[in-house]
């Protein structure tokens, strides 16, 4: 099955949270309410250094995805 790079998620236990799931490596969920990130991968110390830069890009992409989806719903 081909998955999209990002998915939106919500949960009634967290009524104000908006979750974006990144399905490609490195996989994670970000809560856009507070920018908290939960990783599905484990990283070595070397990976963590490289990941710091990549995280900024991925969070920006996740936010852009959310904004685009919301705009499409409003149309």
Protein backbone atom coordinates (compact mmCIF):
# COMPACT_ATOMS: atom_id res chain seq x y z
CA UNK A 1 0.00 0.00 0.00
CA UNK A 2 1.26 3.48 -0.87
CA UNK A 3 0.89 5.88 2.06
CA UNK A 4 0.91 9.66 1.81
CA UNK A 5 3.90 11.37 3.40
CA UNK A 6 1.68 13.12 5.98
CA UNK A 7 -1.63 12.20 7.63
CA UNK A 8 -3.89 14.27 9.89
CA UNK A 9 -5.05 12.75 13.14
CA UNK A 10 -7.25 13.71 16.05
CA UNK A 11 -8.45 12.13 19.25
CA UNK A 12 -11.38 13.06 21.48
CA UNK A 13 -9.16 12.55 24.54
CA UNK A 14 -7.15 15.56 23.28
CA UNK A 15 -9.87 17.88 21.97
CA UNK A 16 -7.60 20.87 21.25
CA UNK A 17 -4.71 18.90 19.76
CA UNK A 18 -4.06 18.55 16.05
CA UNK A 19 -1.74 15.68 15.13
CA UNK A 20 0.23 15.29 11.91
CA UNK A 21 1.78 11.88 11.28
CA UNK A 22 4.92 11.67 9.11
CA UNK A 23 4.91 8.20 7.55
CA UNK A 24 8.39 8.19 5.99
CA UNK A 25 11.75 7.81 7.69
CA UNK A 26 12.17 9.27 10.22
CA UNK A 27 8.59 8.53 11.27
CA UNK A 28 7.00 10.75 13.89
CA UNK A 29 3.83 12.39 15.16
CA UNK A 30 3.75 16.11 15.89
CA UNK A 31 1.11 17.79 17.99
CA UNK A 32 0.68 21.19 16.33
CA UNK A 33 -0.96 22.58 19.45
CA UNK A 34 2.38 22.58 21.28
CA UNK A 35 4.91 21.34 18.66
CA UNK A 36 5.65 18.23 20.74
CA UNK A 37 7.19 15.49 18.60
CA UNK A 38 7.04 11.75 19.29
CA UNK A 39 9.49 9.69 17.22
CA UNK A 40 8.81 6.10 16.11
CA UNK A 41 12.51 5.54 15.44
CA UNK A 42 15.48 5.11 17.72
CA UNK A 43 18.56 7.14 16.82
CA UNK A 44 22.25 6.84 17.53
CA UNK A 45 24.17 9.85 18.85
CA UNK A 46 25.52 10.50 15.34
CA UNK A 47 22.01 10.40 13.88
CA UNK A 48 20.72 12.82 16.51
CA UNK A 49 23.11 15.56 15.36
CA UNK A 50 21.96 15.27 11.75
CA UNK A 51 18.35 14.95 12.87
CA UNK A 52 18.37 18.33 14.60
CA UNK A 53 18.62 20.13 11.26
CA UNK A 54 16.23 17.79 9.51
CA UNK A 55 13.67 18.14 12.31
CA UNK A 56 13.24 21.84 11.59
CA UNK A 57 12.53 21.07 7.93
CA UNK A 58 10.12 18.23 8.73
CA UNK A 59 8.18 20.29 11.27
CA UNK A 60 7.87 23.11 8.73
CA UNK A 61 6.64 20.62 6.10
CA UNK A 62 4.12 19.15 8.57
CA UNK A 63 2.80 22.61 9.36
CA UNK A 64 2.55 23.50 5.66
CA UNK A 65 0.68 20.23 5.04
CA UNK A 66 -1.80 21.05 7.82
CA UNK A 67 -2.35 24.59 6.53
CA UNK A 68 -2.94 23.26 3.01
CA UNK A 69 -5.41 20.64 4.21
CA UNK A 70 -7.37 23.13 6.30
CA UNK A 71 -7.51 25.50 3.33
CA UNK A 72 -8.89 22.70 1.14
CA UNK A 73 -11.57 21.86 3.73
CA UNK A 74 -12.65 25.49 3.84
CA UNK A 75 -13.18 25.63 0.05
